[in-house]
Amino acid sequence: LHFFDGFRTSHEISKVELLEKEEMRKMINQELVFQHRERALSPENPFIRGTAQNPDVFFQAREGCNLYYDACPDITQQMMNNFKKITGREYHLFQYEGDPKAETIIILMGSGCETVQETVEYLNRKGEKTGLVKVRLYRPFSMKHLWKAIPETVQRICVLDRTKEPGSSGEPLYTEILSATNEYIAENNLKR
């Protein structure tokens, strides 16, 4: 699922480097495309999909798909690595920019990243120790990849969301980072 940040089309001015069709073809396994098409619904080949289930069976099916969600972040990063080999452009699920010994970082996703990156670079030239984590994969959320991206020197984290959920305890990215931080602290027996 891809979310498009509308700010990019309404306000952002940036250069776009298009991929060649040959580069795109290198990223797509044609055999998987044919297999996907063969599973499509068709009047020539009818079959049942999505019948009703009682809650107990439904819950088993929901739990049964966890292994696919667990595998998704590593597969996505592998595809990002393949993309780098083909195009030279490097992406990570959680892409860190800034001082390698940053004490303060900002975590966000979407069009705000470029502005924050410029600010981080400016502050670091002035002697600050700041950084930025650009979230490239939000769901499934990979705590393992998040903590690999954050320097060990970080003391303060600011999470910026481009959404507002009145009445909630926090916005979606903030609550995810808070949960990940609490798990990391517990797993590593750190002080809160």
C-alpha atoms as a PDB file:
ATOM      1  CA  LEU A   1       0.000   0.000   0.000  1.00  0.00           C
ATOM      2  CA  HIS A   2       1.444   3.356  -0.982  1.00  0.00           C
ATOM      3  CA  PHE A   3       0.431   6.668   0.543  1.00  0.00           C
ATOM      4  CA  PHE A   4       0.986   9.711  -1.590  1.00  0.00           C
ATOM      5  CA  ASP A   5       1.771  12.952   0.206  1.00  0.00           C
ATOM      6  CA  GLY A   6      -0.362  15.547  -1.599  1.00  0.00           C
ATOM      7  CA  PHE A   7       2.019  18.347  -0.573  1.00  0.00           C
ATOM      8  CA  ARG A   8       4.454  16.963  -3.144  1.00  0.00           C
ATOM      9  CA  THR A   9       2.103  17.828  -6.010  1.00  0.00           C
ATOM     10  CA  SER A  10       0.612  21.025  -4.578  1.00  0.00           C
ATOM     11  CA  HIS A  11       3.652  22.861  -3.169  1.00  0.00           C
ATOM     12  CA  GLU A  12       6.934  21.026  -3.661  1.00  0.00           C
ATOM     13  CA  ILE A  13       9.362  21.904  -6.414  1.00  0.00           C
ATOM     14  CA  SER A  14      11.986  19.237  -7.009  1.00  0.00           C
ATOM     15  CA  LYS A  15      13.806  17.558  -9.847  1.00  0.00           C
ATOM     16  CA  VAL A  16      12.552  14.141 -10.882  1.00  0.00           C
ATOM     17  CA  GLU A  17      14.821  11.569 -12.468  1.00  0.00           C
ATOM     18  CA  LEU A  18      12.690   9.070 -14.347  1.00  0.00           C
ATOM     19  CA  LEU A  19      13.636   5.416 -14.582  1.00  0.00           C
ATOM     20  CA  GLU A  20      14.144   3.802 -17.954  1.00  0.00           C
ATOM     21  CA  LYS A  21      11.748   0.960 -18.814  1.00  0.00           C
ATOM     22  CA  GLU A  22      14.682  -1.464 -18.883  1.00  0.00           C
ATOM     23  CA  GLU A  23      15.538  -0.499 -15.292  1.00  0.00           C
ATOM     24  CA  MET A  24      11.942  -1.098 -14.200  1.00  0.00           C
ATOM     25  CA  ARG A  25      11.876  -4.477 -15.949  1.00  0.00           C
ATOM     26  CA  LYS A  26      14.953  -5.563 -13.985  1.00  0.00           C
ATOM     27  CA  MET A  27      12.978  -5.037 -10.759  1.00  0.00           C
ATOM     28  CA  ILE A  28      10.008  -7.189 -11.832  1.00  0.00           C
ATOM     29  CA  ASN A  29       9.999 -10.979 -11.992  1.00  0.00           C
ATOM     30  CA  GLN A  30       7.778 -11.687 -15.028  1.00  0.00           C
ATOM     31  CA  GLU A  31       6.986 -15.214 -13.813  1.00  0.00           C
ATOM     32  CA  LEU A  32       5.421 -13.728 -10.648  1.00  0.00           C
ATOM     33  CA  VAL A  33       3.375 -11.344 -12.808  1.00  0.00           C
ATOM     34  CA  PHE A  34       2.014 -14.275 -14.838  1.00  0.00           C
ATOM     35  CA  GLN A  35       1.218 -16.226 -11.642  1.00  0.00           C
ATOM     36  CA  HIS A  36      -0.652 -13.191 -10.275  1.00  0.00           C
ATOM     37  CA  ARG A  37      -2.689 -12.880 -13.466  1.00  0.00           C
ATOM     38  CA  GLU A  38      -3.574 -16.581 -13.345  1.00  0.00           C
ATOM     39  CA  ARG A  39      -5.097 -16.069  -9.871  1.00  0.00           C
ATOM     40  CA  ALA A  40      -7.388 -13.287 -11.109  1.00  0.00           C
ATOM     41  CA  LEU A  41     -11.149 -13.714 -11.034  1.00  0.00           C
ATOM     42  CA  SER A  42     -12.497 -14.643 -14.438  1.00  0.00           C
ATOM     43  CA  PRO A  43     -15.894 -15.761 -15.802  1.00  0.00           C
ATOM     44  CA  GLU A  44     -14.061 -18.475 -17.798  1.00  0.00           C
ATOM     45  CA  ASN A  45     -12.533 -19.928 -14.611  1.00  0.00           C
ATOM     46  CA  PRO A  46     -14.935 -19.315 -11.683  1.00  0.00           C
ATOM     47  CA  PHE A  47     -14.015 -20.248  -8.115  1.00  0.00           C
ATOM     48  CA  ILE A  48     -14.943 -19.213  -4.581  1.00  0.00           C
ATOM     49  CA  ARG A  49     -12.831 -16.710  -2.698  1.00  0.00           C
ATOM     50  CA  GLY A  50     -13.604 -14.975   0.602  1.00  0.00           C
ATOM     51  CA  THR A  51     -16.442 -17.095   1.976  1.00  0.00           C
ATOM     52  CA  ALA A  52     -17.889 -16.323   5.405  1.00  0.00           C
ATOM     53  CA  GLN A  53     -15.989 -17.546   8.488  1.00  0.00           C
ATOM     54  CA  ASN A  54     -16.811 -17.755  12.145  1.00  0.00           C
ATOM     55  CA  PRO A  55     -14.623 -15.654  14.477  1.00  0.00           C
ATOM     56  CA  ASP A  56     -12.428 -18.578  15.601  1.00  0.00           C
ATOM     57  CA  VAL A  57     -11.499 -19.579  12.044  1.00  0.00           C
ATOM     58  CA  PHE A  58     -11.082 -15.957  10.984  1.00  0.00           C
ATOM     59  CA  PHE A  59      -8.693 -15.336  13.891  1.00  0.00           C
ATOM     60  CA  GLN A  60      -6.614 -18.392  12.922  1.00  0.00           C
ATOM     61  CA  ALA A  61      -6.352 -17.060   9.376  1.00  0.00           C
ATOM     62  CA  ARG A  62      -5.282 -13.633  10.668  1.00  0.00           C
ATOM     63  CA  GLU A  63      -2.582 -15.247  12.821  1.00  0.00           C
ATOM     64  CA  GLY A  64      -1.546 -17.515   9.958  1.00  0.00           C
ATOM     65  CA  CYS A  65      -0.513 -14.566   7.789  1.00  0.00           C
ATOM     66  CA  ASN A  66       1.911 -13.160  10.411  1.00  0.00           C
ATOM     67  CA  LEU A  67       4.897 -14.914   8.852  1.00  0.00           C
ATOM     68  CA  TYR A  68       4.325 -12.950   5.652  1.00  0.00           C
ATOM     69  CA  TYR A  69       4.157  -9.651   7.537  1.00  0.00           C
ATOM     70  CA  ASP A  70       7.280 -10.616   9.500  1.00  0.00           C
ATOM     71  CA  ALA A  71       9.164 -11.318   6.258  1.00  0.00           C
ATOM     72  CA  CYS A  72       8.012  -8.145   4.486  1.00  0.00           C
ATOM     73  CA  PRO A  73      10.562  -5.635   5.909  1.00  0.00           C
ATOM     74  CA  ASP A  74      13.598  -7.752   4.989  1.00  0.00           C
ATOM     75  CA  ILE A  75      12.192  -8.444   1.515  1.00  0.00           C
ATOM     76  CA  THR A  76      11.441  -4.745   1.018  1.00  0.00           C
ATOM     77  CA  GLN A  77      14.980  -3.797   2.070  1.00  0.00           C
ATOM     78  CA  GLN A  78      16.369  -6.455  -0.277  1.00  0.00           C
ATOM     79  CA  MET A  79      14.383  -4.897  -3.142  1.00  0.00           C
ATOM     80  CA  MET A  80      15.682  -1.454  -2.155  1.00  0.00           C
ATOM     81  CA  ASN A  81      19.212  -2.884  -2.317  1.00  0.00           C
ATOM     82  CA  ASN A  82      18.476  -4.305  -5.792  1.00  0.00           C
ATOM     83  CA  PHE A  83      17.150  -0.888  -6.813  1.00  0.00           C
ATOM     84  CA  LYS A  84      20.470   0.653  -5.731  1.00  0.00           C
ATOM     85  CA  LYS A  85      22.423  -1.841  -7.879  1.00  0.00           C
ATOM     86  CA  ILE A  86      20.290  -0.946 -10.905  1.00  0.00           C
ATOM     87  CA  THR A  87      19.990   2.835 -10.463  1.00  0.00           C
ATOM     88  CA  GLY A  88      22.624   3.894  -7.922  1.00  0.00           C
ATOM     89  CA  ARG A  89      19.892   5.387  -5.701  1.00  0.00           C
ATOM     90  CA  GLU A  90      20.054   4.184  -2.105  1.00  0.00           C
ATOM     91  CA  TYR A  91      17.022   3.754   0.141  1.00  0.00           C
ATOM     92  CA  HIS A  92      16.515   2.150   3.551  1.00  0.00           C
ATOM     93  CA  LEU A  93      13.371   1.320   5.490  1.00  0.00           C
ATOM     94  CA  PHE A  94      14.524   3.872   8.061  1.00  0.00           C
ATOM     95  CA  GLN A  95      17.041   6.159   6.386  1.00  0.00           C
ATOM     96  CA  TYR A  96      19.330   8.080   8.715  1.00  0.00           C
ATOM     97  CA  GLU A  97      20.760  11.459   7.742  1.00  0.00           C
ATOM     98  CA  GLY A  98      22.908  13.642   9.976  1.00  0.00           C
ATOM     99  CA  ASP A  99      25.699  13.544  12.527  1.00  0.00           C
ATOM    100  CA  PRO A 100      26.800   9.953  13.241  1.00  0.00           C
ATOM    101  CA  LYS A 101      27.000  10.935  16.930  1.00  0.00           C
ATOM    102  CA  ALA A 102      23.744  12.858  17.071  1.00  0.00           C
ATOM    103  CA  GLU A 103      22.210  13.549  20.461  1.00  0.00           C
ATOM    104  CA  THR A 104      18.877  14.818  19.101  1.00  0.00           C
ATOM    105  CA  ILE A 105      16.985  13.337  16.164  1.00  0.00           C
ATOM    106  CA  ILE A 106      13.702  13.897  14.402  1.00  0.00           C
ATOM    107  CA  ILE A 107      11.730  10.968  13.002  1.00  0.00           C
ATOM    108  CA  LEU A 108       9.147  11.604  10.288  1.00  0.00           C
ATOM    109  CA  MET A 109       7.926  10.503   6.878  1.00  0.00           C
ATOM    110  CA  GLY A 110       6.720  12.218   3.761  1.00  0.00           C
ATOM    111  CA  SER A 111       7.423  15.593   2.227  1.00  0.00           C
ATOM    112  CA  GLY A 112       8.608  17.171   5.478  1.00  0.00           C
ATOM    113  CA  CYS A 113      11.798  15.084   5.345  1.00  0.00           C
ATOM    114  CA  GLU A 114      13.598  17.309   2.841  1.00  0.00           C
ATOM    115  CA  THR A 115      12.981  20.465   4.875  1.00  0.00           C
ATOM    116  CA  VAL A 116      14.097  18.779   8.091  1.00  0.00           C
ATOM    117  CA  GLN A 117      17.185  17.369   6.350  1.00  0.00           C
ATOM    118  CA  GLU A 118      18.217  20.868   5.248  1.00  0.00           C
ATOM    119  CA  THR A 119      17.661  22.098   8.808  1.00  0.00           C
ATOM    120  CA  VAL A 120      19.700  19.219  10.270  1.00  0.00           C
ATOM    121  CA  GLU A 121      22.568  19.956   7.875  1.00  0.00           C
ATOM    122  CA  TYR A 122      22.431  23.660   8.799  1.00  0.00           C
ATOM    123  CA  LEU A 123      22.420  22.941  12.553  1.00  0.00           C
ATOM    124  CA  ASN A 124      25.288  20.459  12.233  1.00  0.00           C
ATOM    125  CA  ARG A 125      27.388  23.062  10.380  1.00  0.00           C
ATOM    126  CA  LYS A 126      26.785  25.312  13.414  1.00  0.00           C
ATOM    127  CA  GLY A 127      28.161  22.612  15.762  1.00  0.00           C
ATOM    128  CA  GLU A 128      24.930  20.896  16.828  1.00  0.00           C
ATOM    129  CA  LYS A 129      24.722  17.098  16.876  1.00  0.00           C
ATOM    130  CA  THR A 130      21.405  16.407  15.167  1.00  0.00           C
ATOM    131  CA  GLY A 131      19.961  13.783  12.861  1.00  0.00           C
ATOM    132  CA  LEU A 132      16.911  12.715  10.928  1.00  0.00           C
ATOM    133  CA  VAL A 133      15.290   9.328  10.396  1.00  0.00           C
ATOM    134  CA  LYS A 134      13.160   9.155   7.247  1.00  0.00           C
ATOM    135  CA  VAL A 135      10.523   6.437   7.568  1.00  0.00           C
ATOM    136  CA  ARG A 136      10.163   4.658   4.227  1.00  0.00           C
ATOM    137  CA  LEU A 137       8.150   1.601   5.384  1.00  0.00           C
ATOM    138  CA  TYR A 138       5.472   2.229   7.978  1.00  0.00           C
ATOM    139  CA  ARG A 139       3.532  -1.041   7.814  1.00  0.00           C
ATOM    140  CA  PRO A 140       4.562  -3.569   8.774  1.00  0.00           C
ATOM    141  CA  PHE A 141       6.610  -1.568  11.261  1.00  0.00           C
ATOM    142  CA  SER A 142      10.100  -3.007  11.789  1.00  0.00           C
ATOM    143  CA  MET A 143      11.578  -2.149  15.166  1.00  0.00           C
ATOM    144  CA  LYS A 144      14.747  -4.033  14.219  1.00  0.00           C
ATOM    145  CA  HIS A 145      15.392  -1.758  11.244  1.00  0.00           C
ATOM    146  CA  LEU A 146      14.423   1.361  13.201  1.00  0.00           C
ATOM    147  CA  TRP A 147      16.983   0.752  15.958  1.00  0.00           C
ATOM    148  CA  LYS A 148      19.680  -0.144  13.445  1.00  0.00           C
ATOM    149  CA  ALA A 149      19.247   3.330  11.918  1.00  0.00           C
ATOM    150  CA  ILE A 150      19.422   5.333  15.159  1.00  0.00           C
ATOM    151  CA  PRO A 151      22.883   6.253  16.516  1.00  0.00           C
ATOM    152  CA  GLU A 152      23.589   4.973  20.041  1.00  0.00           C
ATOM    153  CA  THR A 153      24.436   8.525  21.147  1.00  0.00           C
ATOM    154  CA  VAL A 154      20.834   9.743  20.764  1.00  0.00           C
ATOM    155  CA  GLN A 155      19.335  11.188  23.949  1.00  0.00           C
ATOM    156  CA  ARG A 156      16.259  12.946  22.557  1.00  0.00           C
ATOM    157  CA  ILE A 157      13.780  11.913  19.880  1.00  0.00           C
ATOM    158  CA  CYS A 158      11.162  14.175  18.324  1.00  0.00           C
ATOM    159  CA  VAL A 159       8.480  12.509  16.203  1.00  0.00           C
ATOM    160  CA  LEU A 160       6.594  14.613  13.666  1.00  0.00           C
ATOM    161  CA  ASP A 161       3.368  13.355  12.109  1.00  0.00           C
ATOM    162  CA  ARG A 162       1.583  14.952   9.165  1.00  0.00           C
ATOM    163  CA  THR A 163      -1.751  13.889  10.584  1.00  0.00           C
ATOM    164  CA  LYS A 164      -3.952  14.775  13.508  1.00  0.00           C
ATOM    165  CA  GLU A 165      -6.172  12.407  15.473  1.00  0.00           C
ATOM    166  CA  PRO A 166      -8.154  14.452  18.000  1.00  0.00           C
ATOM    167  CA  GLY A 167      -8.838  12.519  21.190  1.00  0.00           C
ATOM    168  CA  SER A 168      -6.014  10.037  20.677  1.00  0.00           C
ATOM    169  CA  SER A 169      -3.003   9.582  22.941  1.00  0.00           C
ATOM    170  CA  GLY A 170      -0.837  10.551  19.976  1.00  0.00           C
ATOM    171  CA  GLU A 171      -0.574  10.403  16.230  1.00  0.00           C
ATOM    172  CA  PRO A 172       0.169   7.084  14.440  1.00  0.00           C
ATOM    173  CA  LEU A 173       3.923   7.451  13.891  1.00  0.00           C
ATOM    174  CA  TYR A 174       4.418   8.868  17.388  1.00  0.00           C
ATOM    175  CA  THR A 175       2.599   5.972  19.072  1.00  0.00           C
ATOM    176  CA  GLU A 176       4.559   3.460  16.964  1.00  0.00           C
ATOM    177  CA  ILE A 177       7.907   5.049  17.930  1.00  0.00           C
ATOM    178  CA  LEU A 178       6.827   5.219  21.583  1.00  0.00           C
ATOM    179  CA  SER A 179       5.952   1.521  21.552  1.00  0.00           C
ATOM    180  CA  ALA A 180       9.225   0.634  19.798  1.00  0.00           C
ATOM    181  CA  THR A 181      11.191   2.706  22.309  1.00  0.00           C
ATOM    182  CA  ASN A 182       9.520   1.045  25.295  1.00  0.00           C
ATOM    183  CA  GLU A 183      10.195  -2.421  23.850  1.00  0.00           C
ATOM    184  CA  TYR A 184      13.819  -1.525  23.113  1.00  0.00           C
ATOM    185  CA  ILE A 185      14.321  -0.227  26.654  1.00  0.00           C
ATOM    186  CA  ALA A 186      12.751  -3.362  28.158  1.00  0.00           C
ATOM    187  CA  GLU A 187      14.675  -5.783  25.916  1.00  0.00           C
ATOM    188  CA  ASN A 188      18.023  -4.089  26.678  1.00  0.00           C
ATOM    189  CA  ASN A 189      17.391  -3.529  30.417  1.00  0.00           C
ATOM    190  CA  LEU A 190      17.939   0.211  30.069  1.00  0.00           C
ATOM    191  CA  LYS A 191      16.811   2.954  32.448  1.00  0.00           C
ATOM    192  CA  ARG A 192      13.681   4.821  31.451  1.00  0.00           C
END
